[in-house]
């Protein structure tokens, strides 16, 4: 039995799917308190070939972003960034497709 949290399992599946699609994945998630900017998403994905970048806030199914996360996400979106809250690989793929990423 895996001791990994539901959110970490979702994150791992999204990372594997993103890498399979050719993304370079940078992780910002922290298991404990850090001096990182409050609200910053868990993952930053870059796809040079398709000139596509996005931030991914990973949530376990049924969980919602915190107020700090919502504020960070909104500010980043207003600046033209793609920011998605995903609770599964399916939600990740749905979000990037909506923004024009060619999932093959």
PDB file of N, CA and C in Angstrom:
ATOM      1  N   UNK A   1       0.838  -1.173   0.000  1.00  0.00           N
ATOM      2  CA  UNK A   1       0.000   0.000   0.000  1.00  0.00           C
ATOM      3  C   UNK A   1       0.888   1.243   0.000  1.00  0.00           C
ATOM      4  N   UNK A   2       0.543   2.228  -0.822  1.00  0.00           N
ATOM      5  CA  UNK A   2       1.317   3.454  -0.912  1.00  0.00           C
ATOM      6  C   UNK A   2       1.018   4.368   0.273  1.00  0.00           C
ATOM      7  N   UNK A   3       2.065   4.954   0.828  1.00  0.00           N
ATOM      8  CA  UNK A   3       1.900   5.892   1.935  1.00  0.00           C
ATOM      9  C   UNK A   3       1.816   7.318   1.418  1.00  0.00           C
ATOM     10  N   UNK A   4       1.886   7.479   0.121  1.00  0.00           N
ATOM     11  CA  UNK A   4       1.817   8.781  -0.506  1.00  0.00           C
ATOM     12  C   UNK A   4       0.425   9.374  -0.332  1.00  0.00           C
ATOM     13  N   UNK A   5       0.355  10.687  -0.126  1.00  0.00           N
ATOM     14  CA  UNK A   5      -0.942  11.346   0.003  1.00  0.00           C
ATOM     15  C   UNK A   5      -1.681  11.314  -1.333  1.00  0.00           C
ATOM     16  N   UNK A   6      -3.018  11.439  -1.287  1.00  0.00           N
ATOM     17  CA  UNK A   6      -3.777  11.465  -2.555  1.00  0.00           C
ATOM     18  C   UNK A   6      -3.292  12.572  -3.493  1.00  0.00           C
ATOM     19  N   UNK A   7      -2.951  13.733  -2.938  1.00  0.00           N
ATOM     20  CA  UNK A   7      -2.482  14.838  -3.778  1.00  0.00           C
ATOM     21  C   UNK A   7      -1.150  14.497  -4.440  1.00  0.00           C
ATOM     22  N   UNK A   8      -0.253  13.855  -3.711  1.00  0.00           N
ATOM     23  CA  UNK A   8       1.042  13.471  -4.289  1.00  0.00           C
ATOM     24  C   UNK A   8       0.867  12.414  -5.381  1.00  0.00           C
ATOM     25  N   UNK A   9      -0.095  11.518  -5.205  1.00  0.00           N
ATOM     26  CA  UNK A   9      -0.362  10.521  -6.261  1.00  0.00           C
ATOM     27  C   UNK A   9      -0.875  11.217  -7.527  1.00  0.00           C
ATOM     28  N   UNK A  10      -1.773  12.183  -7.356  1.00  0.00           N
ATOM     29  CA  UNK A  10      -2.288  12.940  -8.505  1.00  0.00           C
ATOM     30  C   UNK A  10      -1.136  13.694  -9.161  1.00  0.00           C
ATOM     31  N   UNK A  11      -0.301  14.339  -8.352  1.00  0.00           N
ATOM     32  CA  UNK A  11       0.815  15.108  -8.901  1.00  0.00           C
ATOM     33  C   UNK A  11       1.745  14.202  -9.705  1.00  0.00           C
ATOM     34  N   UNK A  12       2.059  13.043  -9.171  1.00  0.00           N
ATOM     35  CA  UNK A  12       2.956  12.125  -9.880  1.00  0.00           C
ATOM     36  C   UNK A  12       2.353  11.698 -11.218  1.00  0.00           C
ATOM     37  N   UNK A  13       1.060  11.422 -11.247  1.00  0.00           N
ATOM     38  CA  UNK A  13       0.429  11.013 -12.506  1.00  0.00           C
ATOM     39  C   UNK A  13       0.416  12.157 -13.521  1.00  0.00           C
ATOM     40  N   UNK A  14       0.217  13.383 -13.052  1.00  0.00           N
ATOM     41  CA  UNK A  14       0.250  14.539 -13.961  1.00  0.00           C
ATOM     42  C   UNK A  14       1.669  14.750 -14.492  1.00  0.00           C
ATOM     43  N   UNK A  15       2.666  14.634 -13.624  1.00  0.00           N
ATOM     44  CA  UNK A  15       4.058  14.783 -14.065  1.00  0.00           C
ATOM     45  C   UNK A  15       4.386  13.746 -15.138  1.00  0.00           C
ATOM     46  N   UNK A  16       4.013  12.505 -14.921  1.00  0.00           N
ATOM     47  CA  UNK A  16       4.290  11.455 -15.918  1.00  0.00           C
ATOM     48  C   UNK A  16       3.593  11.745 -17.244  1.00  0.00           C
ATOM     49  N   UNK A  17       2.336  12.191 -17.188  1.00  0.00           N
ATOM     50  CA  UNK A  17       1.598  12.516 -18.415  1.00  0.00           C
ATOM     51  C   UNK A  17       2.228  13.711 -19.121  1.00  0.00           C
ATOM     52  N   UNK A  18       2.602  14.728 -18.367  1.00  0.00           N
ATOM     53  CA  UNK A  18       3.223  15.920 -18.957  1.00  0.00           C
ATOM     54  C   UNK A  18       4.547  15.564 -19.620  1.00  0.00           C
ATOM     55  N   UNK A  19       5.362  14.768 -18.949  1.00  0.00           N
ATOM     56  CA  UNK A  19       6.639  14.356 -19.536  1.00  0.00           C
ATOM     57  C   UNK A  19       6.418  13.521 -20.797  1.00  0.00           C
ATOM     58  N   UNK A  20       5.402  12.676 -20.796  1.00  0.00           N
ATOM     59  CA  UNK A  20       5.090  11.874 -21.991  1.00  0.00           C
ATOM     60  C   UNK A  20       4.686  12.763 -23.169  1.00  0.00           C
ATOM     61  N   UNK A  21       4.109  13.917 -22.875  1.00  0.00           N
ATOM     62  CA  UNK A  21       3.726  14.869 -23.921  1.00  0.00           C
ATOM     63  C   UNK A  21       4.888  15.775 -24.329  1.00  0.00           C
ATOM     64  N   UNK A  22       6.035  15.626 -23.668  1.00  0.00           N
ATOM     65  CA  UNK A  22       7.221  16.403 -24.024  1.00  0.00           C
ATOM     66  C   UNK A  22       7.468  17.639 -23.184  1.00  0.00           C
ATOM     67  N   UNK A  23       6.716  17.818 -22.115  1.00  0.00           N
ATOM     68  CA  UNK A  23       6.938  18.975 -21.242  1.00  0.00           C
ATOM     69  C   UNK A  23       8.176  18.768 -20.379  1.00  0.00           C
ATOM     70  N   UNK A  24       8.841  19.870 -20.055  1.00  0.00           N
ATOM     71  CA  UNK A  24       9.862  19.907 -19.020  1.00  0.00           C
ATOM     72  C   UNK A  24       9.124  20.353 -17.763  1.00  0.00           C
ATOM     73  N   UNK A  25       9.275  19.609 -16.674  1.00  0.00           N
ATOM     74  CA  UNK A  25       8.504  19.848 -15.457  1.00  0.00           C
ATOM     75  C   UNK A  25       9.408  20.391 -14.357  1.00  0.00           C
ATOM     76  N   UNK A  26       8.998  21.505 -13.768  1.00  0.00           N
ATOM     77  CA  UNK A  26       9.661  22.067 -12.584  1.00  0.00           C
ATOM     78  C   UNK A  26       8.674  22.000 -11.439  1.00  0.00           C
ATOM     79  N   UNK A  27       9.128  21.463 -10.300  1.00  0.00           N
ATOM     80  CA  UNK A  27       8.244  21.297  -9.151  1.00  0.00           C
ATOM     81  C   UNK A  27       8.523  22.357  -8.094  1.00  0.00           C
ATOM     82  N   UNK A  28       7.455  22.941  -7.577  1.00  0.00           N
ATOM     83  CA  UNK A  28       7.550  23.938  -6.514  1.00  0.00           C
ATOM     84  C   UNK A  28       6.832  23.482  -5.254  1.00  0.00           C
ATOM     85  N   UNK A  29       6.288  22.278  -5.268  1.00  0.00           N
ATOM     86  CA  UNK A  29       5.513  21.824  -4.107  1.00  0.00           C
ATOM     87  C   UNK A  29       6.442  21.563  -2.935  1.00  0.00           C
ATOM     88  N   UNK A  30       5.932  21.869  -1.746  1.00  0.00           N
ATOM     89  CA  UNK A  30       6.686  21.710  -0.509  1.00  0.00           C
ATOM     90  C   UNK A  30       5.860  20.903   0.473  1.00  0.00           C
ATOM     91  N   UNK A  31       6.489  19.947   1.107  1.00  0.00           N
ATOM     92  CA  UNK A  31       5.792  19.118   2.093  1.00  0.00           C
ATOM     93  C   UNK A  31       5.677  19.821   3.447  1.00  0.00           C
ATOM     94  N   UNK A  32       6.428  20.883   3.609  1.00  0.00           N
ATOM     95  CA  UNK A  32       6.412  21.603   4.883  1.00  0.00           C
ATOM     96  C   UNK A  32       6.463  23.098   4.603  1.00  0.00           C
ATOM     97  N   UNK A  33       6.341  23.878   5.636  1.00  0.00           N
ATOM     98  CA  UNK A  33       6.403  25.337   5.488  1.00  0.00           C
ATOM     99  C   UNK A  33       7.753  25.731   4.875  1.00  0.00           C
ATOM    100  N   UNK A  34       7.713  26.674   3.966  1.00  0.00           N
ATOM    101  CA  UNK A  34       8.945  27.138   3.324  1.00  0.00           C
ATOM    102  C   UNK A  34       8.893  28.647   3.188  1.00  0.00           C
ATOM    103  N   UNK A  35       9.965  29.207   2.677  1.00  0.00           N
ATOM    104  CA  UNK A  35      10.004  30.653   2.442  1.00  0.00           C
ATOM    105  C   UNK A  35       9.593  30.969   1.006  1.00  0.00           C
ATOM    106  N   UNK A  36       8.951  30.017   0.370  1.00  0.00           N
ATOM    107  CA  UNK A  36       8.458  30.178  -0.990  1.00  0.00           C
ATOM    108  C   UNK A  36       7.261  31.133  -0.987  1.00  0.00           C
ATOM    109  N   UNK A  37       7.033  31.793  -2.093  1.00  0.00           N
ATOM    110  CA  UNK A  37       5.907  32.707  -2.235  1.00  0.00           C
ATOM    111  C   UNK A  37       4.598  31.991  -1.927  1.00  0.00           C
ATOM    112  N   UNK A  38       3.792  32.588  -1.058  1.00  0.00           N
ATOM    113  CA  UNK A  38       2.500  31.992  -0.702  1.00  0.00           C
ATOM    114  C   UNK A  38       1.608  31.896  -1.937  1.00  0.00           C
ATOM    115  N   UNK A  39       1.018  30.735  -2.141  1.00  0.00           N
ATOM    116  CA  UNK A  39       0.070  30.548  -3.232  1.00  0.00           C
ATOM    117  C   UNK A  39       0.655  30.039  -4.528  1.00  0.00           C
ATOM    118  N   UNK A  40       1.978  29.985  -4.640  1.00  0.00           N
ATOM    119  CA  UNK A  40       2.585  29.548  -5.900  1.00  0.00           C
ATOM    120  C   UNK A  40       2.164  28.101  -6.196  1.00  0.00           C
ATOM    121  N   UNK A  41       1.790  27.807  -7.441  1.00  0.00           N
ATOM    122  CA  UNK A  41       1.359  26.453  -7.791  1.00  0.00           C
ATOM    123  C   UNK A  41       2.462  25.413  -7.621  1.00  0.00           C
ATOM    124  N   UNK A  42       2.047  24.159  -7.686  1.00  0.00           N
ATOM    125  CA  UNK A  42       2.961  23.036  -7.460  1.00  0.00           C
ATOM    126  C   UNK A  42       3.927  22.792  -8.607  1.00  0.00           C
ATOM    127  N   UNK A  43       3.460  23.009  -9.841  1.00  0.00           N
ATOM    128  CA  UNK A  43       4.261  22.659 -11.014  1.00  0.00           C
ATOM    129  C   UNK A  43       4.291  23.789 -12.029  1.00  0.00           C
ATOM    130  N   UNK A  44       5.430  23.929 -12.710  1.00  0.00           N
ATOM    131  CA  UNK A  44       5.544  24.828 -13.851  1.00  0.00           C
ATOM    132  C   UNK A  44       5.987  23.962 -15.022  1.00  0.00           C
ATOM    133  N   UNK A  45       5.220  23.973 -16.095  1.00  0.00           N
ATOM    134  CA  UNK A  45       5.492  23.135 -17.261  1.00  0.00           C
ATOM    135  C   UNK A  45       5.893  23.997 -18.449  1.00  0.00           C
ATOM    136  N   UNK A  46       6.913  23.551 -19.156  1.00  0.00           N
ATOM    137  CA  UNK A  46       7.414  24.268 -20.328  1.00  0.00           C
ATOM    138  C   UNK A  46       7.507  23.291 -21.490  1.00  0.00           C
ATOM    139  N   UNK A  47       6.975  23.712 -22.641  1.00  0.00           N
ATOM    140  CA  UNK A  47       7.079  22.883 -23.850  1.00  0.00           C
ATOM    141  C   UNK A  47       7.659  23.763 -24.957  1.00  0.00           C
ATOM    142  N   UNK A  48       9.003  23.759 -25.107  1.00  0.00           N
ATOM    143  CA  UNK A  48       9.643  24.644 -26.090  1.00  0.00           C
ATOM    144  C   UNK A  48       9.148  24.452 -27.520  1.00  0.00           C
ATOM    145  N   UNK A  49       8.939  23.201 -27.943  1.00  0.00           N
ATOM    146  CA  UNK A  49       8.525  22.946 -29.327  1.00  0.00           C
ATOM    147  C   UNK A  49       7.206  23.651 -29.654  1.00  0.00           C
ATOM    148  N   UNK A  50       6.260  23.604 -28.730  1.00  0.00           N
ATOM    149  CA  UNK A  50       4.956  24.220 -28.966  1.00  0.00           C
ATOM    150  C   UNK A  50       4.832  25.609 -28.352  1.00  0.00           C
ATOM    151  N   UNK A  51       5.949  26.099 -27.773  1.00  0.00           N
ATOM    152  CA  UNK A  51       5.968  27.437 -27.166  1.00  0.00           C
ATOM    153  C   UNK A  51       4.786  27.609 -26.201  1.00  0.00           C
ATOM    154  N   UNK A  52       4.689  26.684 -25.281  1.00  0.00           N
ATOM    155  CA  UNK A  52       3.563  26.640 -24.339  1.00  0.00           C
ATOM    156  C   UNK A  52       4.107  26.450 -22.928  1.00  0.00           C
ATOM    157  N   UNK A  53       3.643  27.288 -22.020  1.00  0.00           N
ATOM    158  CA  UNK A  53       3.986  27.139 -20.603  1.00  0.00           C
ATOM    159  C   UNK A  53       2.707  27.214 -19.788  1.00  0.00           C
ATOM    160  N   UNK A  54       2.729  26.568 -18.629  1.00  0.00           N
ATOM    161  CA  UNK A  54       1.587  26.664 -17.731  1.00  0.00           C
ATOM    162  C   UNK A  54       1.989  26.314 -16.308  1.00  0.00           C
ATOM    163  N   UNK A  55       1.215  26.833 -15.378  1.00  0.00           N
ATOM    164  CA  UNK A  55       1.335  26.520 -13.964  1.00  0.00           C
ATOM    165  C   UNK A  55       0.220  25.549 -13.614  1.00  0.00           C
ATOM    166  N   UNK A  56       0.540  24.556 -12.784  1.00  0.00           N
ATOM    167  CA  UNK A  56      -0.453  23.572 -12.366  1.00  0.00           C
ATOM    168  C   UNK A  56      -0.543  23.557 -10.844  1.00  0.00           C
ATOM    169  N   UNK A  57      -1.718  23.844 -10.326  1.00  0.00           N
ATOM    170  CA  UNK A  57      -2.012  23.660  -8.903  1.00  0.00           C
ATOM    171  C   UNK A  57      -2.649  22.283  -8.783  1.00  0.00           C
ATOM    172  N   UNK A  58      -1.984  21.372  -8.098  1.00  0.00           N
ATOM    173  CA  UNK A  58      -2.477  20.006  -7.960  1.00  0.00           C
ATOM    174  C   UNK A  58      -3.321  19.912  -6.693  1.00  0.00           C
ATOM    175  N   UNK A  59      -4.490  19.314  -6.843  1.00  0.00           N
ATOM    176  CA  UNK A  59      -5.384  19.101  -5.701  1.00  0.00           C
ATOM    177  C   UNK A  59      -5.868  17.659  -5.705  1.00  0.00           C
ATOM    178  N   UNK A  60      -6.019  17.109  -4.532  1.00  0.00           N
ATOM    179  CA  UNK A  60      -6.670  15.809  -4.419  1.00  0.00           C
ATOM    180  C   UNK A  60      -8.128  16.006  -4.818  1.00  0.00           C
ATOM    181  N   UNK A  61      -8.767  14.994  -5.370  1.00  0.00           N
ATOM    182  CA  UNK A  61     -10.175  15.127  -5.750  1.00  0.00           C
ATOM    183  C   UNK A  61     -11.015  15.656  -4.581  1.00  0.00           C
ATOM    184  N   UNK A  62     -11.831  16.668  -4.890  1.00  0.00           N
ATOM    185  CA  UNK A  62     -12.701  17.265  -3.877  1.00  0.00           C
ATOM    186  C   UNK A  62     -12.087  18.416  -3.112  1.00  0.00           C
ATOM    187  N   UNK A  63     -10.780  18.637  -3.249  1.00  0.00           N
ATOM    188  CA  UNK A  63     -10.109  19.734  -2.533  1.00  0.00           C
ATOM    189  C   UNK A  63     -10.118  20.986  -3.395  1.00  0.00           C
ATOM    190  N   UNK A  64     -10.126  22.140  -2.759  1.00  0.00           N
ATOM    191  CA  UNK A  64     -10.162  23.434  -3.448  1.00  0.00           C
ATOM    192  C   UNK A  64      -8.927  24.254  -3.101  1.00  0.00           C
ATOM    193  N   UNK A  65      -8.547  25.196  -3.963  1.00  0.00           N
ATOM    194  CA  UNK A  65      -7.413  26.072  -3.659  1.00  0.00           C
ATOM    195  C   UNK A  65      -7.705  26.961  -2.446  1.00  0.00           C
ATOM    196  N   UNK A  66      -6.629  27.310  -1.743  1.00  0.00           N
ATOM    197  CA  UNK A  66      -6.741  28.246  -0.628  1.00  0.00           C
ATOM    198  C   UNK A  66      -6.934  29.661  -1.169  1.00  0.00           C
ATOM    199  N   UNK A  67      -7.284  30.582  -0.305  1.00  0.00           N
ATOM    200  CA  UNK A  67      -7.431  31.984  -0.708  1.00  0.00           C
ATOM    201  C   UNK A  67      -6.115  32.514  -1.272  1.00  0.00           C
ATOM    202  N   UNK A  68      -4.998  32.207  -0.617  1.00  0.00           N
ATOM    203  CA  UNK A  68      -3.692  32.660  -1.114  1.00  0.00           C
ATOM    204  C   UNK A  68      -3.424  32.121  -2.510  1.00  0.00           C
ATOM    205  N   UNK A  69      -3.764  30.872  -2.741  1.00  0.00           N
ATOM    206  CA  UNK A  69      -3.578  30.279  -4.063  1.00  0.00           C
ATOM    207  C   UNK A  69      -4.466  30.963  -5.089  1.00  0.00           C
ATOM    208  N   UNK A  70      -5.720  31.192  -4.748  1.00  0.00           N
ATOM    209  CA  UNK A  70      -6.634  31.865  -5.681  1.00  0.00           C
ATOM    210  C   UNK A  70      -6.120  33.239  -6.071  1.00  0.00           C
ATOM    211  N   UNK A  71      -5.587  33.989  -5.120  1.00  0.00           N
ATOM    212  CA  UNK A  71      -5.050  35.327  -5.403  1.00  0.00           C
ATOM    213  C   UNK A  71      -3.847  35.221  -6.339  1.00  0.00           C
ATOM    214  N   UNK A  72      -2.925  34.303  -6.044  1.00  0.00           N
ATOM    215  CA  UNK A  72      -1.746  34.127  -6.898  1.00  0.00           C
ATOM    216  C   UNK A  72      -2.175  33.739  -8.310  1.00  0.00           C
ATOM    217  N   UNK A  73      -3.094  32.791  -8.410  1.00  0.00           N
ATOM    218  CA  UNK A  73      -3.567  32.320  -9.717  1.00  0.00           C
ATOM    219  C   UNK A  73      -4.185  33.458 -10.522  1.00  0.00           C
ATOM    220  N   UNK A  74      -5.043  34.246  -9.886  1.00  0.00           N
ATOM    221  CA  UNK A  74      -5.714  35.338 -10.591  1.00  0.00           C
ATOM    222  C   UNK A  74      -4.709  36.379 -11.085  1.00  0.00           C
ATOM    223  N   UNK A  75      -3.751  36.726 -10.240  1.00  0.00           N
ATOM    224  CA  UNK A  75      -2.725  37.698 -10.634  1.00  0.00           C
ATOM    225  C   UNK A  75      -1.924  37.181 -11.827  1.00  0.00           C
ATOM    226  N   UNK A  76      -1.543  35.908 -11.789  1.00  0.00           N
ATOM    227  CA  UNK A  76      -0.778  35.318 -12.892  1.00  0.00           C
ATOM    228  C   UNK A  76      -1.614  35.263 -14.175  1.00  0.00           C
ATOM    229  N   UNK A  77      -2.891  34.927 -14.049  1.00  0.00           N
ATOM    230  CA  UNK A  77      -3.771  34.896 -15.236  1.00  0.00           C
ATOM    231  C   UNK A  77      -3.915  36.284 -15.839  1.00  0.00           C
ATOM    232  N   UNK A  78      -4.061  37.288 -14.993  1.00  0.00           N
ATOM    233  CA  UNK A  78      -4.189  38.668 -15.485  1.00  0.00           C
ATOM    234  C   UNK A  78      -2.941  39.112 -16.231  1.00  0.00           C
ATOM    235  N   UNK A  79      -1.799  38.503 -15.910  1.00  0.00           N
ATOM    236  CA  UNK A  79      -0.541  38.822 -16.588  1.00  0.00           C
ATOM    237  C   UNK A  79      -0.327  37.952 -17.832  1.00  0.00           C
ATOM    238  N   UNK A  80      -1.315  37.110 -18.166  1.00  0.00           N
ATOM    239  CA  UNK A  80      -1.239  36.318 -19.382  1.00  0.00           C
ATOM    240  C   UNK A  80      -0.737  34.900 -19.226  1.00  0.00           C
ATOM    241  N   UNK A  81      -0.620  34.424 -17.996  1.00  0.00           N
ATOM    242  CA  UNK A  81      -0.159  33.054 -17.754  1.00  0.00           C
ATOM    243  C   UNK A  81      -1.319  32.068 -17.783  1.00  0.00           C
ATOM    244  N   UNK A  82      -1.023  30.843 -18.196  1.00  0.00           N
ATOM    245  CA  UNK A  82      -1.970  29.741 -18.055  1.00  0.00           C
ATOM    246  C   UNK A  82      -1.777  29.182 -16.650  1.00  0.00           C
ATOM    247  N   UNK A  83      -2.847  29.141 -15.872  1.00  0.00           N
ATOM    248  CA  UNK A  83      -2.809  28.563 -14.519  1.00  0.00           C
ATOM    249  C   UNK A  83      -4.012  27.637 -14.403  1.00  0.00           C
ATOM    250  N   UNK A  84      -3.751  26.366 -14.100  1.00  0.00           N
ATOM    251  CA  UNK A  84      -4.816  25.375 -14.017  1.00  0.00           C
ATOM    252  C   UNK A  84      -4.817  24.697 -12.660  1.00  0.00           C
ATOM    253  N   UNK A  85      -6.005  24.426 -12.150  1.00  0.00           N
ATOM    254  CA  UNK A  85      -6.164  23.627 -10.941  1.00  0.00           C
ATOM    255  C   UNK A  85      -6.613  22.255 -11.418  1.00  0.00           C
ATOM    256  N   UNK A  86      -5.800  21.225 -11.140  1.00  0.00           N
ATOM    257  CA  UNK A  86      -6.065  19.892 -11.673  1.00  0.00           C
ATOM    258  C   UNK A  86      -6.105  18.857 -10.552  1.00  0.00           C
ATOM    259  N   UNK A  87      -7.101  17.970 -10.648  1.00  0.00           N
ATOM    260  CA  UNK A  87      -7.213  16.896  -9.657  1.00  0.00           C
ATOM    261  C   UNK A  87      -7.061  15.516 -10.290  1.00  0.00           C
ATOM    262  N   UNK A  88      -6.621  15.497 -11.559  1.00  0.00           N
ATOM    263  CA  UNK A  88      -6.415  14.232 -12.270  1.00  0.00           C
ATOM    264  C   UNK A  88      -5.677  14.516 -13.578  1.00  0.00           C
ATOM    265  N   UNK A  89      -5.177  13.448 -14.177  1.00  0.00           N
ATOM    266  CA  UNK A  89      -4.559  13.584 -15.495  1.00  0.00           C
ATOM    267  C   UNK A  89      -5.601  14.080 -16.495  1.00  0.00           C
ATOM    268  N   UNK A  90      -6.825  13.571 -16.373  1.00  0.00           N
ATOM    269  CA  UNK A  90      -7.889  13.966 -17.306  1.00  0.00           C
ATOM    270  C   UNK A  90      -8.162  15.467 -17.234  1.00  0.00           C
ATOM    271  N   UNK A  91      -8.186  16.026 -16.027  1.00  0.00           N
ATOM    272  CA  UNK A  91      -8.434  17.475 -15.914  1.00  0.00           C
ATOM    273  C   UNK A  91      -7.252  18.262 -16.466  1.00  0.00           C
ATOM    274  N   UNK A  92      -6.035  17.756 -16.280  1.00  0.00           N
ATOM    275  CA  UNK A  92      -4.848  18.394 -16.852  1.00  0.00           C
ATOM    276  C   UNK A  92      -4.945  18.436 -18.376  1.00  0.00           C
ATOM    277  N   UNK A  93      -5.237  17.296 -18.989  1.00  0.00           N
ATOM    278  CA  UNK A  93      -5.329  17.227 -20.456  1.00  0.00           C
ATOM    279  C   UNK A  93      -6.461  18.124 -20.966  1.00  0.00           C
ATOM    280  N   UNK A  94      -7.593  18.110 -20.293  1.00  0.00           N
ATOM    281  CA  UNK A  94      -8.721  18.961 -20.688  1.00  0.00           C
ATOM    282  C   UNK A  94      -8.308  20.431 -20.688  1.00  0.00           C
ATOM    283  N   UNK A  95      -7.624  20.861 -19.631  1.00  0.00           N
ATOM    284  CA  UNK A  95      -7.229  22.274 -19.514  1.00  0.00           C
ATOM    285  C   UNK A  95      -6.240  22.689 -20.599  1.00  0.00           C
ATOM    286  N   UNK A  96      -5.216  21.889 -20.847  1.00  0.00           N
ATOM    287  CA  UNK A  96      -4.241  22.312 -21.864  1.00  0.00           C
ATOM    288  C   UNK A  96      -4.841  22.258 -23.264  1.00  0.00           C
ATOM    289  N   UNK A  97      -5.740  21.314 -23.501  1.00  0.00           N
ATOM    290  CA  UNK A  97      -6.429  21.276 -24.811  1.00  0.00           C
ATOM    291  C   UNK A  97      -7.265  22.534 -25.021  1.00  0.00           C
ATOM    292  N   UNK A  98      -7.976  22.967 -23.965  1.00  0.00           N
ATOM    293  CA  UNK A  98      -8.796  24.185 -24.085  1.00  0.00           C
ATOM    294  C   UNK A  98      -7.950  25.394 -24.476  1.00  0.00           C
ATOM    295  N   UNK A  99      -6.675  25.370 -24.097  1.00  0.00           N
ATOM    296  CA  UNK A  99      -5.779  26.501 -24.415  1.00  0.00           C
ATOM    297  C   UNK A  99      -5.009  26.276 -25.697  1.00  0.00           C
ATOM    298  N   UNK A 100      -5.360  25.223 -26.442  1.00  0.00           N
ATOM    299  CA  UNK A 100      -4.776  25.013 -27.764  1.00  0.00           C
ATOM    300  C   UNK A 100      -3.564  24.105 -27.831  1.00  0.00           C
ATOM    301  N   UNK A 101      -3.212  23.459 -26.707  1.00  0.00           N
ATOM    302  CA  UNK A 101      -2.065  22.554 -26.770  1.00  0.00           C
ATOM    303  C   UNK A 101      -2.488  21.284 -27.517  1.00  0.00           C
ATOM    304  N   UNK A 102      -1.675  20.869 -28.501  1.00  0.00           N
ATOM    305  CA  UNK A 102      -2.017  19.692 -29.305  1.00  0.00           C
ATOM    306  C   UNK A 102      -1.661  18.375 -28.604  1.00  0.00           C
ATOM    307  N   UNK A 103      -2.560  17.831 -27.845  1.00  0.00           N
ATOM    308  CA  UNK A 103      -2.337  16.537 -27.177  1.00  0.00           C
ATOM    309  C   UNK A 103      -2.421  15.446 -28.212  1.00  0.00           C
ATOM    310  N   UNK A 104      -1.356  14.684 -28.333  1.00  0.00           N
ATOM    311  CA  UNK A 104      -1.313  13.612 -29.332  1.00  0.00           C
ATOM    312  C   UNK A 104      -1.076  12.280 -28.685  1.00  0.00           C
TER     313      UNK A 104
END
